[in-house]
Amino acid sequence: MATYPVVNKETGEQKEVILSVDDWSQWKDDNPDWQRDWSDPSTCPSNGETGDPRAKIYKSHPGWKEVMNGVKKAAPTNKSITQQY
């Protein structure tokens, strides 16, 4: 089930609709006065992350950099590893 924040086009009333993804299209057709509310970025579909993914891995898993340094030493000619780590 997914939660869809919606807003009434005429009254400005806001609410959340909990539906399966399959039922969302039908709900929109049945409720033309309501539209998806995109004003809150936390409810927008996205991965929600920006920046370098390696930096996030290093921060959340402190030993990862040492692991990749070991891989880099074991495969010194692999440019996909040596250029990134």
Protein backbone atom coordinates (compact mmCIF):
# COMPACT_ATOMS: atom_id res chain seq x y z
CA MET A 1 0.00 0.00 0.00
CA ALA A 2 1.16 3.51 -0.77
CA THR A 3 0.26 6.81 0.85
CA TYR A 4 -0.67 9.62 -1.51
CA PRO A 5 -0.93 13.17 -0.16
CA VAL A 6 -3.70 14.92 -2.07
CA VAL A 7 -5.21 18.39 -2.10
CA ASN A 8 -8.67 19.50 -3.18
CA LYS A 9 -8.39 21.89 -6.14
CA GLU A 10 -11.36 24.00 -5.02
CA THR A 11 -11.16 24.08 -1.22
CA GLY A 12 -7.45 23.52 -0.62
CA GLU A 13 -8.26 20.73 1.85
CA GLN A 14 -5.40 18.29 2.27
CA LYS A 15 -5.52 14.62 3.18
CA GLU A 16 -3.68 11.38 2.65
CA VAL A 17 -5.12 8.52 0.64
CA ILE A 18 -3.81 5.02 1.28
CA LEU A 19 -4.22 2.80 -1.76
CA SER A 20 -2.42 0.15 -3.70
CA VAL A 21 -0.46 1.46 -6.65
CA ASP A 22 -2.91 -0.30 -8.98
CA ASP A 23 -5.91 1.48 -7.42
CA TRP A 24 -4.37 4.98 -7.61
CA SER A 25 -5.31 5.55 -11.28
CA GLN A 26 -8.91 4.57 -10.63
CA TRP A 27 -9.09 6.82 -7.55
CA LYS A 28 -7.85 9.79 -9.62
CA ASP A 29 -10.53 9.11 -12.24
CA ASP A 30 -13.22 8.83 -9.57
CA ASN A 31 -12.12 12.02 -7.75
CA PRO A 32 -11.39 14.70 -10.36
CA ASP A 33 -11.50 17.53 -7.76
CA TRP A 34 -8.45 16.10 -6.01
CA GLN A 35 -4.86 16.13 -7.22
CA ARG A 36 -1.55 14.87 -5.92
CA ASP A 37 0.02 17.32 -3.45
CA TRP A 38 3.66 17.87 -4.43
CA SER A 39 4.27 20.74 -1.98
CA ASP A 40 6.04 18.54 0.61
CA PRO A 41 9.34 17.24 -0.82
CA SER A 42 9.37 14.35 1.64
CA THR A 43 6.33 12.84 -0.09
CA CYS A 44 7.67 13.17 -3.63
CA PRO A 45 8.86 9.97 -5.25
CA SER A 46 12.62 10.09 -5.53
CA ASN A 47 15.64 8.37 -4.19
CA GLY A 48 16.04 11.23 -1.73
CA GLU A 49 19.79 11.18 -1.90
CA THR A 50 22.31 13.49 -3.46
CA GLY A 51 26.06 13.56 -3.45
CA ASP A 52 28.76 10.97 -3.89
CA PRO A 53 27.53 7.48 -2.96
CA ARG A 54 31.05 6.46 -1.91
CA ALA A 55 31.11 9.23 0.71
CA LYS A 56 27.86 7.89 2.16
CA ILE A 57 29.20 4.35 2.26
CA TYR A 58 32.38 5.54 3.98
CA LYS A 59 30.33 7.43 6.56
CA SER A 60 27.86 4.63 7.31
CA HIS A 61 30.42 1.80 7.07
CA PRO A 62 33.76 3.14 8.31
CA GLY A 63 35.72 -0.01 7.41
CA TRP A 64 34.66 0.05 3.76
CA LYS A 65 37.50 2.34 2.67
CA GLU A 66 40.09 -0.09 4.04
CA VAL A 67 38.34 -2.97 2.25
CA MET A 68 38.47 -1.11 -1.05
CA ASN A 69 42.13 -0.18 -0.50
CA GLY A 70 42.85 -3.92 -0.15
CA VAL A 71 40.96 -4.63 -3.36
CA LYS A 72 42.87 -1.84 -5.10
CA LYS A 73 46.20 -3.40 -4.05
CA ALA A 74 45.05 -6.86 -5.20
CA ALA A 75 43.93 -5.60 -8.61
CA PRO A 76 46.27 -2.74 -9.52
CA THR A 77 45.44 -2.87 -13.23
CA ASN A 78 41.67 -2.71 -12.82
CA LYS A 79 40.95 0.93 -13.66
CA SER A 80 37.32 0.75 -12.52
CA ILE A 81 38.68 0.21 -9.02
CA THR A 82 41.91 2.22 -9.05
CA GLN A 83 40.30 5.36 -10.49
CA GLN A 84 37.36 5.37 -8.08
CA TYR A 85 38.94 4.31 -4.81
